[in-house]
Structure formats: C-alpha cells, structure tokens
PDB file of N, CA and C in Angstrom:
ATOM      1  N   MET A   1       0.846  -1.191  -0.033  1.00  0.00           N
ATOM      2  CA  MET A   1       0.073  -0.030  -0.042  1.00  0.00           C
ATOM      3  C   MET A   1       0.985   1.384   0.021  1.00  0.00           C
ATOM      4  N   ASP A   2       2.203   1.430   0.557  1.00  0.00           N
ATOM      5  CA  ASP A   2       2.819   2.366   0.535  1.00  0.00           C
ATOM      6  C   ASP A   2       3.857   2.219  -0.412  1.00  0.00           C
ATOM      7  N   GLY A   3       4.361   1.560  -1.278  1.00  0.00           N
ATOM      8  CA  GLY A   3       5.105   1.262  -2.218  1.00  0.00           C
ATOM      9  C   GLY A   3       6.227   0.515  -2.261  1.00  0.00           C
ATOM     10  N   VAL A   4       6.710   0.178  -0.784  1.00  0.00           N
ATOM     11  CA  VAL A   4       7.666  -0.576  -0.273  1.00  0.00           C
ATOM     12  C   VAL A   4       7.462  -1.781  -0.181  1.00  0.00           C
ATOM     13  N   SER A   5       8.345  -2.587  -1.224  1.00  0.00           N
ATOM     14  CA  SER A   5       8.375  -4.009  -1.336  1.00  0.00           C
ATOM     15  C   SER A   5       8.993  -4.720  -0.110  1.00  0.00           C
ATOM     16  N   ARG A   6       8.178  -5.416   0.520  1.00  0.00           N
ATOM     17  CA  ARG A   6       8.845  -6.237   1.815  1.00  0.00           C
ATOM     18  C   ARG A   6       8.875  -7.762   1.327  1.00  0.00           C
ATOM     19  N   SER A   7      10.082  -8.148   2.043  1.00  0.00           N
ATOM     20  CA  SER A   7      10.357  -9.722   1.685  1.00  0.00           C
ATOM     21  C   SER A   7       9.757 -10.457   3.020  1.00  0.00           C
ATOM     22  N   ALA A   8       9.672 -11.894   2.952  1.00  0.00           N
ATOM     23  CA  ALA A   8       9.540 -12.679   3.816  1.00  0.00           C
ATOM     24  C   ALA A   8       9.974 -13.740   3.813  1.00  0.00           C
ATOM     25  N   VAL A   9      10.520 -14.492   4.801  1.00  0.00           N
ATOM     26  CA  VAL A   9      10.891 -16.044   4.799  1.00  0.00           C
ATOM     27  C   VAL A   9      10.366 -16.260   6.033  1.00  0.00           C
ATOM     28  N   PHE A  10       9.533 -17.927   5.827  1.00  0.00           N
ATOM     29  CA  PHE A  10       9.193 -18.228   6.972  1.00  0.00           C
ATOM     30  C   PHE A  10       9.399 -19.915   7.048  1.00  0.00           C
ATOM     31  N   PRO A  11       9.276 -20.443   7.832  1.00  0.00           N
ATOM     32  CA  PRO A  11       9.442 -21.920   7.794  1.00  0.00           C
ATOM     33  C   PRO A  11       8.708 -22.858   7.264  1.00  0.00           C
ATOM     34  N   ASP A  12       8.804 -23.559   6.600  1.00  0.00           N
ATOM     35  CA  ASP A  12       8.038 -24.373   5.699  1.00  0.00           C
ATOM     36  C   ASP A  12       8.022 -26.160   5.589  1.00  0.00           C
ATOM     37  N   GLY A  13       8.564 -26.374   6.920  1.00  0.00           N
ATOM     38  CA  GLY A  13       8.572 -27.927   7.104  1.00  0.00           C
ATOM     39  C   GLY A  13       9.853 -28.218   6.678  1.00  0.00           C
ATOM     40  N   TRP A  14      10.223 -29.518   6.821  1.00  0.00           N
ATOM     41  CA  TRP A  14      11.401 -30.259   6.473  1.00  0.00           C
ATOM     42  C   TRP A  14      11.016 -31.621   5.687  1.00  0.00           C
ATOM     43  N   GLU A  15      11.787 -31.817   4.307  1.00  0.00           N
ATOM     44  CA  GLU A  15      11.787 -32.710   3.451  1.00  0.00           C
ATOM     45  C   GLU A  15      12.820 -33.668   3.835  1.00  0.00           C
ATOM     46  N   GLY A  16      12.967 -34.939   3.226  1.00  0.00           N
ATOM     47  CA  GLY A  16      14.283 -35.797   2.960  1.00  0.00           C
ATOM     48  C   GLY A  16      13.975 -36.789   2.555  1.00  0.00           C
ATOM     49  N   ILE A  17      15.141 -37.908   2.255  1.00  0.00           N
ATOM     50  CA  ILE A  17      14.949 -39.104   1.601  1.00  0.00           C
ATOM     51  C   ILE A  17      15.860 -39.948   2.576  1.00  0.00           C
ATOM     52  N   LEU A  18      15.195 -41.012   2.960  1.00  0.00           N
ATOM     53  CA  LEU A  18      16.100 -42.181   3.944  1.00  0.00           C
ATOM     54  C   LEU A  18      16.478 -43.245   2.788  1.00  0.00           C
ATOM     55  N   SER A  19      17.687 -43.543   2.545  1.00  0.00           N
ATOM     56  CA  SER A  19      18.204 -44.381   1.633  1.00  0.00           C
ATOM     57  C   SER A  19      18.812 -45.467   2.505  1.00  0.00           C
ATOM     58  N   VAL A  20      17.989 -47.148   2.626  1.00  0.00           N
ATOM     59  CA  VAL A  20      18.647 -47.885   3.297  1.00  0.00           C
ATOM     60  C   VAL A  20      19.044 -49.196   2.442  1.00  0.00           C
ATOM     61  N   ASP A  21      19.782 -49.942   2.938  1.00  0.00           N
ATOM     62  CA  ASP A  21      20.173 -51.298   2.272  1.00  0.00           C
ATOM     63  C   ASP A  21      18.870 -51.889   2.992  1.00  0.00           C
ATOM     64  N   ARG A  22      18.415 -53.172   1.846  1.00  0.00           N
ATOM     65  CA  ARG A  22      17.323 -54.024   2.760  1.00  0.00           C
ATOM     66  C   ARG A  22      17.957 -55.141   3.035  1.00  0.00           C
ATOM     67  N   LEU A  23      17.784 -55.365   4.703  1.00  0.00           N
ATOM     68  CA  LEU A  23      18.288 -56.282   5.489  1.00  0.00           C
ATOM     69  C   LEU A  23      17.282 -57.653   5.512  1.00  0.00           C
ATOM     70  N   ASP A  24      15.769 -56.948   5.736  1.00  0.00           N
ATOM     71  CA  ASP A  24      14.770 -57.965   5.928  1.00  0.00           C
ATOM     72  C   ASP A  24      13.586 -57.393   5.334  1.00  0.00           C
ATOM     73  N   SER A  25      12.268 -57.404   5.886  1.00  0.00           N
ATOM     74  CA  SER A  25      11.096 -57.103   5.208  1.00  0.00           C
ATOM     75  C   SER A  25      10.595 -55.900   6.055  1.00  0.00           C
ATOM     76  N   SER A  26      11.114 -55.665   6.670  1.00  0.00           N
ATOM     77  CA  SER A  26      10.815 -54.147   7.938  1.00  0.00           C
ATOM     78  C   SER A  26      10.273 -53.158   7.038  1.00  0.00           C
ATOM     79  N   ILE A  27      10.772 -52.657   5.869  1.00  0.00           N
ATOM     80  CA  ILE A  27      10.113 -51.499   5.429  1.00  0.00           C
ATOM     81  C   ILE A  27       8.777 -51.906   4.525  1.00  0.00           C
ATOM     82  N   GLU A  28       8.663 -53.287   4.182  1.00  0.00           N
ATOM     83  CA  GLU A  28       7.777 -53.380   3.403  1.00  0.00           C
ATOM     84  C   GLU A  28       6.278 -53.970   4.378  1.00  0.00           C
ATOM     85  N   ASP A  29       6.813 -54.294   5.555  1.00  0.00           N
ATOM     86  CA  ASP A  29       5.954 -54.360   6.563  1.00  0.00           C
ATOM     87  C   ASP A  29       5.463 -52.961   6.981  1.00  0.00           C
ATOM     88  N   PHE A  30       6.351 -52.404   7.205  1.00  0.00           N
ATOM     89  CA  PHE A  30       5.781 -51.008   7.860  1.00  0.00           C
ATOM     90  C   PHE A  30       4.593 -50.310   6.762  1.00  0.00           C
ATOM     91  N   TRP A  31       4.964 -50.363   5.501  1.00  0.00           N
ATOM     92  CA  TRP A  31       4.295 -49.716   4.446  1.00  0.00           C
ATOM     93  C   TRP A  31       3.040 -50.815   4.376  1.00  0.00           C
ATOM     94  N   ALA A  32       3.335 -51.936   4.311  1.00  0.00           N
ATOM     95  CA  ALA A  32       2.128 -52.938   4.119  1.00  0.00           C
ATOM     96  C   ALA A  32       0.827 -52.291   5.625  1.00  0.00           C
ATOM     97  N   SER A  33       1.442 -52.159   6.667  1.00  0.00           N
ATOM     98  CA  SER A  33       0.699 -51.636   7.738  1.00  0.00           C
ATOM     99  C   SER A  33      -0.067 -50.100   7.409  1.00  0.00           C
ATOM    100  N   VAL A  34       0.933 -49.351   6.968  1.00  0.00           N
ATOM    101  CA  VAL A  34       0.301 -47.914   6.811  1.00  0.00           C
ATOM    102  C   VAL A  34      -0.573 -47.696   5.229  1.00  0.00           C
ATOM    103  N   GLU A  35      -0.604 -48.849   4.552  1.00  0.00           N
ATOM    104  CA  GLU A  35      -1.529 -48.997   3.404  1.00  0.00           C
ATOM    105  C   GLU A  35      -2.722 -49.740   4.057  1.00  0.00           C
ATOM    106  N   ALA A  36      -2.691 -50.595   4.898  1.00  0.00           N
ATOM    107  CA  ALA A  36      -3.771 -51.275   5.449  1.00  0.00           C
ATOM    108  C   ALA A  36      -4.555 -50.364   6.281  1.00  0.00           C
ATOM    109  N   ASN A  37      -3.998 -49.470   7.007  1.00  0.00           N
ATOM    110  CA  ASN A  37      -4.585 -48.451   7.923  1.00  0.00           C
ATOM    111  C   ASN A  37      -5.401 -47.480   7.190  1.00  0.00           C
ATOM    112  N   TYR A  38      -4.806 -46.881   5.902  1.00  0.00           N
ATOM    113  CA  TYR A  38      -5.345 -46.167   4.890  1.00  0.00           C
ATOM    114  C   TYR A  38      -6.691 -46.732   4.376  1.00  0.00           C
ATOM    115  N   TYR A  39      -6.577 -47.897   3.973  1.00  0.00           N
ATOM    116  CA  TYR A  39      -8.079 -48.443   3.205  1.00  0.00           C
ATOM    117  C   TYR A  39      -9.051 -48.768   4.162  1.00  0.00           C
ATOM    118  N   ASN A  40      -8.639 -48.970   5.619  1.00  0.00           N
ATOM    119  CA  ASN A  40      -9.630 -49.254   6.637  1.00  0.00           C
ATOM    120  C   ASN A  40     -10.094 -47.907   7.257  1.00  0.00           C
ATOM    121  N   GLY A  41      -9.813 -46.579   6.944  1.00  0.00           N
ATOM    122  CA  GLY A  41     -10.092 -45.453   7.631  1.00  0.00           C
ATOM    123  C   GLY A  41      -9.348 -45.287   8.926  1.00  0.00           C
ATOM    124  N   ILE A  42      -8.295 -46.006   9.161  1.00  0.00           N
ATOM    125  CA  ILE A  42      -7.345 -45.789  10.166  1.00  0.00           C
ATOM    126  C   ILE A  42      -6.092 -44.434  10.038  1.00  0.00           C
ATOM    127  N   ASP A  43      -6.208 -43.641  11.035  1.00  0.00           N
ATOM    128  CA  ASP A  43      -4.847 -42.502  10.874  1.00  0.00           C
ATOM    129  C   ASP A  43      -3.620 -43.122  11.258  1.00  0.00           C
ATOM    130  N   SER A  44      -2.887 -43.391  10.364  1.00  0.00           N
ATOM    131  CA  SER A  44      -1.232 -44.064  10.689  1.00  0.00           C
ATOM    132  C   SER A  44      -0.793 -43.028  11.639  1.00  0.00           C
ATOM    133  N   GLY A  45      -1.269 -41.914  11.789  1.00  0.00           N
ATOM    134  CA  GLY A  45      -0.125 -40.889  13.111  1.00  0.00           C
ATOM    135  C   GLY A  45       0.983 -40.491  12.238  1.00  0.00           C
ATOM    136  N   SER A  46       1.729 -39.742  12.936  1.00  0.00           N
ATOM    137  CA  SER A  46       2.998 -39.282  12.886  1.00  0.00           C
ATOM    138  C   SER A  46       4.054 -39.982  13.476  1.00  0.00           C
ATOM    139  N   GLY A  47       5.548 -39.475  13.230  1.00  0.00           N
ATOM    140  CA  GLY A  47       6.497 -40.048  14.310  1.00  0.00           C
ATOM    141  C   GLY A  47       7.284 -38.721  14.441  1.00  0.00           C
ATOM    142  N   ILE A  48       8.388 -39.308  15.037  1.00  0.00           N
ATOM    143  CA  ILE A  48       9.797 -38.662  15.297  1.00  0.00           C
ATOM    144  C   ILE A  48      10.855 -39.248  14.489  1.00  0.00           C
ATOM    145  N   ILE A  49      11.845 -38.457  13.909  1.00  0.00           N
ATOM    146  CA  ILE A  49      13.184 -38.674  13.604  1.00  0.00           C
ATOM    147  C   ILE A  49      14.281 -38.109  14.098  1.00  0.00           C
ATOM    148  N   THR A  50      15.036 -38.849  15.218  1.00  0.00           N
ATOM    149  CA  THR A  50      16.353 -38.317  15.631  1.00  0.00           C
ATOM    150  C   THR A  50      17.607 -38.329  14.923  1.00  0.00           C
ATOM    151  N   GLU A  51      17.810 -37.142  14.585  1.00  0.00           N
ATOM    152  CA  GLU A  51      19.395 -37.128  13.775  1.00  0.00           C
ATOM    153  C   GLU A  51      20.235 -36.958  14.761  1.00  0.00           C
ATOM    154  N   THR A  52      21.333 -37.896  14.597  1.00  0.00           N
ATOM    155  CA  THR A  52      22.908 -37.496  15.408  1.00  0.00           C
ATOM    156  C   THR A  52      23.694 -37.496  14.484  1.00  0.00           C
ATOM    157  N   ILE A  53      24.983 -36.477  14.490  1.00  0.00           N
ATOM    158  CA  ILE A  53      25.684 -35.888  13.746  1.00  0.00           C
ATOM    159  C   ILE A  53      26.883 -35.877  14.522  1.00  0.00           C
ATOM    160  N   GLN A  54      28.107 -36.360  14.241  1.00  0.00           N
ATOM    161  CA  GLN A  54      29.027 -36.282  14.746  1.00  0.00           C
ATOM    162  C   GLN A  54      29.910 -34.830  13.946  1.00  0.00           C
ATOM    163  N   ASN A  55      30.444 -34.013  14.505  1.00  0.00           N
ATOM    164  CA  ASN A  55      30.587 -32.797  13.841  1.00  0.00           C
ATOM    165  C   ASN A  55      32.136 -33.109  13.926  1.00  0.00           C
ATOM    166  N   PRO A  56      33.176 -32.209  12.737  1.00  0.00           N
ATOM    167  CA  PRO A  56      34.272 -32.306  12.780  1.00  0.00           C
ATOM    168  C   PRO A  56      35.443 -32.018  13.567  1.00  0.00           C
ATOM    169  N   ASN A  57      35.054 -31.434  14.735  1.00  0.00           N
ATOM    170  CA  ASN A  57      35.732 -30.984  16.129  1.00  0.00           C
ATOM    171  C   ASN A  57      35.553 -31.791  17.035  1.00  0.00           C
ATOM    172  N   GLY A  58      34.395 -33.050  16.587  1.00  0.00           N
ATOM    173  CA  GLY A  58      34.726 -34.139  18.057  1.00  0.00           C
ATOM    174  C   GLY A  58      33.242 -33.765  18.640  1.00  0.00           C
ATOM    175  N   SER A  59      32.347 -32.910  18.475  1.00  0.00           N
ATOM    176  CA  SER A  59      31.447 -32.777  19.270  1.00  0.00           C
ATOM    177  C   SER A  59      30.030 -33.462  18.614  1.00  0.00           C
ATOM    178  N   VAL A  60      29.173 -33.550  19.213  1.00  0.00           N
ATOM    179  CA  VAL A  60      27.875 -34.127  18.579  1.00  0.00           C
ATOM    180  C   VAL A  60      26.580 -33.284  18.463  1.00  0.00           C
ATOM    181  N   SER A  61      26.251 -33.316  17.576  1.00  0.00           N
ATOM    182  CA  SER A  61      24.788 -32.205  17.457  1.00  0.00           C
ATOM    183  C   SER A  61      23.719 -33.300  17.064  1.00  0.00           C
ATOM    184  N   GLN A  62      22.462 -32.801  17.671  1.00  0.00           N
ATOM    185  CA  GLN A  62      21.400 -34.075  17.604  1.00  0.00           C
ATOM    186  C   GLN A  62      19.999 -32.593  17.405  1.00  0.00           C
ATOM    187  N   TRP A  63      19.445 -33.345  16.347  1.00  0.00           N
ATOM    188  CA  TRP A  63      18.431 -33.020  15.966  1.00  0.00           C
ATOM    189  C   TRP A  63      17.007 -33.675  15.929  1.00  0.00           C
ATOM    190  N   ARG A  64      15.862 -33.332  16.408  1.00  0.00           N
ATOM    191  CA  ARG A  64      14.653 -33.939  16.439  1.00  0.00           C
ATOM    192  C   ARG A  64      13.829 -33.223  15.079  1.00  0.00           C
ATOM    193  N   TYR A  65      13.055 -33.999  14.398  1.00  0.00           N
ATOM    194  CA  TYR A  65      12.184 -34.081  13.218  1.00  0.00           C
ATOM    195  C   TYR A  65      10.847 -34.238  14.058  1.00  0.00           C
ATOM    196  N   LEU A  66       9.971 -33.471  13.971  1.00  0.00           N
ATOM    197  CA  LEU A  66       8.439 -33.396  14.839  1.00  0.00           C
ATOM    198  C   LEU A  66       7.455 -33.704  13.720  1.00  0.00           C
ATOM    199  N   ASP A  67       6.519 -34.543  14.273  1.00  0.00           N
ATOM    200  CA  ASP A  67       4.800 -34.891  13.026  1.00  0.00           C
ATOM    201  C   ASP A  67       5.747 -35.511  11.661  1.00  0.00           C
ATOM    202  N   VAL A  68       6.622 -36.234  11.797  1.00  0.00           N
ATOM    203  CA  VAL A  68       6.881 -36.750  10.640  1.00  0.00           C
ATOM    204  C   VAL A  68       5.896 -38.120   9.867  1.00  0.00           C
ATOM    205  N   VAL A  69       5.794 -38.061   8.418  1.00  0.00           N
ATOM    206  CA  VAL A  69       5.035 -38.771   8.019  1.00  0.00           C
ATOM    207  C   VAL A  69       6.099 -39.063   6.605  1.00  0.00           C
ATOM    208  N   PHE A  70       5.766 -40.450   6.309  1.00  0.00           N
ATOM    209  CA  PHE A  70       6.941 -41.066   5.096  1.00  0.00           C
ATOM    210  C   PHE A  70       6.128 -41.231   4.226  1.00  0.00           C
ATOM    211  N   ASP A  71       6.628 -41.277   2.875  1.00  0.00           N
ATOM    212  CA  ASP A  71       5.831 -41.879   1.634  1.00  0.00           C
ATOM    213  C   ASP A  71       7.315 -42.653   0.875  1.00  0.00           C
ATOM    214  N   LEU A  72       6.655 -43.726   0.635  1.00  0.00           N
ATOM    215  CA  LEU A  72       7.259 -45.127  -0.030  1.00  0.00           C
ATOM    216  C   LEU A  72       7.990 -44.340  -1.481  1.00  0.00           C
ATOM    217  N   LYS A  73       9.105 -44.544  -1.528  1.00  0.00           N
ATOM    218  CA  LYS A  73       9.461 -44.090  -2.985  1.00  0.00           C
ATOM    219  C   LYS A  73       9.939 -45.393  -3.904  1.00  0.00           C
ATOM    220  N   ASP A  74      10.448 -46.176  -3.331  1.00  0.00           N
ATOM    221  CA  ASP A  74      11.656 -47.369  -3.873  1.00  0.00           C
ATOM    222  C   ASP A  74      11.369 -48.335  -2.867  1.00  0.00           C
ATOM    223  N   LEU A  75      10.831 -49.571  -3.361  1.00  0.00           N
ATOM    224  CA  LEU A  75      11.405 -50.683  -2.835  1.00  0.00           C
ATOM    225  C   LEU A  75      12.756 -51.668  -3.277  1.00  0.00           C
ATOM    226  N   GLY A  76      13.256 -50.727  -4.159  1.00  0.00           N
ATOM    227  CA  GLY A  76      14.738 -51.348  -4.743  1.00  0.00           C
ATOM    228  C   GLY A  76      14.361 -52.322  -5.900  1.00  0.00           C
ATOM    229  N   ASN A  77      15.541 -52.749  -6.295  1.00  0.00           N
ATOM    230  CA  ASN A  77      15.929 -53.749  -7.477  1.00  0.00           C
ATOM    231  C   ASN A  77      16.017 -54.806  -7.095  1.00  0.00           C
ATOM    232  N   ARG A  78      15.355 -56.239  -7.588  1.00  0.00           N
ATOM    233  CA  ARG A  78      15.995 -56.976  -7.252  1.00  0.00           C
ATOM    234  C   ARG A  78      16.816 -57.844  -8.373  1.00  0.00           C
ATOM    235  N   VAL A  79      18.010 -57.794  -7.975  1.00  0.00           N
ATOM    236  CA  VAL A  79      18.988 -58.328  -8.743  1.00  0.00           C
ATOM    237  C   VAL A  79      19.956 -59.385  -7.820  1.00  0.00           C
ATOM    238  N   PRO A  80      20.129 -60.739  -8.595  1.00  0.00           N
ATOM    239  CA  PRO A  80      20.868 -61.529  -7.776  1.00  0.00           C
ATOM    240  C   PRO A  80      22.029 -60.918  -7.534  1.00  0.00           C
ATOM    241  N   ASN A  81      22.783 -61.296  -6.327  1.00  0.00           N
ATOM    242  CA  ASN A  81      23.914 -61.190  -5.428  1.00  0.00           C
ATOM    243  C   ASN A  81      24.260 -59.644  -5.525  1.00  0.00           C
ATOM    244  N   GLN A  82      23.215 -58.715  -4.963  1.00  0.00           N
ATOM    245  CA  GLN A  82      23.593 -57.274  -5.033  1.00  0.00           C
ATOM    246  C   GLN A  82      22.537 -57.073  -4.306  1.00  0.00           C
ATOM    247  N   VAL A  83      22.907 -55.725  -3.265  1.00  0.00           N
ATOM    248  CA  VAL A  83      22.209 -55.181  -2.199  1.00  0.00           C
ATOM    249  C   VAL A  83      21.130 -54.465  -2.954  1.00  0.00           C
ATOM    250  N   ILE A  84      19.944 -54.605  -2.062  1.00  0.00           N
ATOM    251  CA  ILE A  84      18.434 -53.881  -2.518  1.00  0.00           C
ATOM    252  C   ILE A  84      18.309 -52.435  -1.993  1.00  0.00           C
ATOM    253  N   LYS A  85      18.392 -51.447  -2.385  1.00  0.00           N
ATOM    254  CA  LYS A  85      19.033 -50.325  -2.071  1.00  0.00           C
ATOM    255  C   LYS A  85      17.106 -49.497  -2.056  1.00  0.00           C
ATOM    256  N   GLN A  86      16.374 -49.135  -0.697  1.00  0.00           N
ATOM    257  CA  GLN A  86      15.147 -49.040  -0.309  1.00  0.00           C
ATOM    258  C   GLN A  86      15.029 -47.226  -0.134  1.00  0.00           C
ATOM    259  N   GLN A  87      14.117 -46.657  -0.588  1.00  0.00           N
ATOM    260  CA  GLN A  87      13.872 -45.491  -0.189  1.00  0.00           C
ATOM    261  C   GLN A  87      12.559 -44.983   0.419  1.00  0.00           C
ATOM    262  N   LEU A  88      12.699 -44.226   1.321  1.00  0.00           N
ATOM    263  CA  LEU A  88      11.253 -43.425   2.011  1.00  0.00           C
ATOM    264  C   LEU A  88      11.767 -42.133   2.176  1.00  0.00           C
ATOM    265  N   ALA A  89      10.641 -41.433   1.618  1.00  0.00           N
ATOM    266  CA  ALA A  89      10.667 -39.385   1.846  1.00  0.00           C
ATOM    267  C   ALA A  89      10.483 -39.331   3.007  1.00  0.00           C
ATOM    268  N   PHE A  90      10.442 -38.642   3.930  1.00  0.00           N
ATOM    269  CA  PHE A  90      10.019 -37.822   4.692  1.00  0.00           C
ATOM    270  C   PHE A  90       9.378 -36.502   4.913  1.00  0.00           C
ATOM    271  N   MET A  91       8.540 -36.376   5.607  1.00  0.00           N
ATOM    272  CA  MET A  91       8.075 -34.468   5.686  1.00  0.00           C
ATOM    273  C   MET A  91       7.936 -34.687   7.126  1.00  0.00           C
ATOM    274  N   ALA A  92       8.287 -33.582   7.509  1.00  0.00           N
ATOM    275  CA  ALA A  92       8.165 -33.067   9.007  1.00  0.00           C
ATOM    276  C   ALA A  92       7.497 -31.521   9.398  1.00  0.00           C
ATOM    277  N   SER A  93       6.891 -31.241  10.110  1.00  0.00           N
ATOM    278  CA  SER A  93       6.565 -30.324  10.399  1.00  0.00           C
ATOM    279  C   SER A  93       7.400 -28.988  11.256  1.00  0.00           C
ATOM    280  N   LYS A  94       8.703 -29.878  11.902  1.00  0.00           N
ATOM    281  CA  LYS A  94       9.670 -28.885  12.549  1.00  0.00           C
ATOM    282  C   LYS A  94      11.170 -29.704  12.721  1.00  0.00           C
ATOM    283  N   ARG A  95      12.204 -28.764  13.035  1.00  0.00           N
ATOM    284  CA  ARG A  95      13.234 -29.310  13.846  1.00  0.00           C
ATOM    285  C   ARG A  95      13.723 -28.620  14.402  1.00  0.00           C
ATOM    286  N   LYS A  96      13.752 -29.456  15.626  1.00  0.00           N
ATOM    287  CA  LYS A  96      14.125 -28.900  16.966  1.00  0.00           C
ATOM    288  C   LYS A  96      15.924 -29.361  17.325  1.00  0.00           C
ATOM    289  N   LYS A  97      16.648 -28.338  17.988  1.00  0.00           N
ATOM    290  CA  LYS A  97      18.001 -28.889  18.207  1.00  0.00           C
ATOM    291  C   LYS A  97      17.915 -29.419  19.763  1.00  0.00           C
ATOM    292  N   VAL A  98      18.393 -30.620  19.716  1.00  0.00           N
ATOM    293  CA  VAL A  98      18.508 -31.492  21.151  1.00  0.00           C
ATOM    294  C   VAL A  98      19.492 -31.421  21.948  1.00  0.00           C
ATOM    295  N   ALA A  99      20.865 -31.582  21.448  1.00  0.00           N
ATOM    296  CA  ALA A  99      21.844 -31.151  21.784  1.00  0.00           C
ATOM    297  C   ALA A  99      22.987 -30.843  20.917  1.00  0.00           C
TER     298      ALA A  99
END
C-alpha cells in the first residue's frame, strides 16, 4: 500500500529421503501397515526422527524432526547377489535442536 516491497521468509517444514540397504522385510511390513490403515479409514499418525551428527571437531549435534510422515519411494531392484537399495521420503513440520 505504501509502495515499499517487503520480503519475508517463513519456515515451511522439512523434507528428506532415507536410503537404506534392505536387510529384511521391515520397510515392506511398515508400508503394508500404513496402506492397510489407509484403506480401513485409520489414521497412521505421525512420528519422530532423531538425527545425530558427529561434527569434525568431535562434538555431537542432535536434531529432532517432529510430526514426521513417510512416503514410500522405491522398494529397490531385485538383482541376484546385489544389495537392494530402498528409499522412503519424509516430511516433518518442525526440526528442533536437542544437543
């Protein structure tokens, strides 16, 4: 209204990808539960991820992602004698420093 451009930056949540080597059916089992809940009208809720980072100076930083939901991206390629790489995307509403 006064002709001055004002910029603003606001937090818009956090996103990431978790890439894991398949050791067992844990991710398939988890996702089967999420899918069954969805089709039965049950809210799977959200979770928490705690990220721990060893800094170059030897100190440790720890972050907690809150209200986390997952999205299965890739169950991986089944190739004989090779590790199966799986991916879950996550979205979180906030990230708080723990330590």
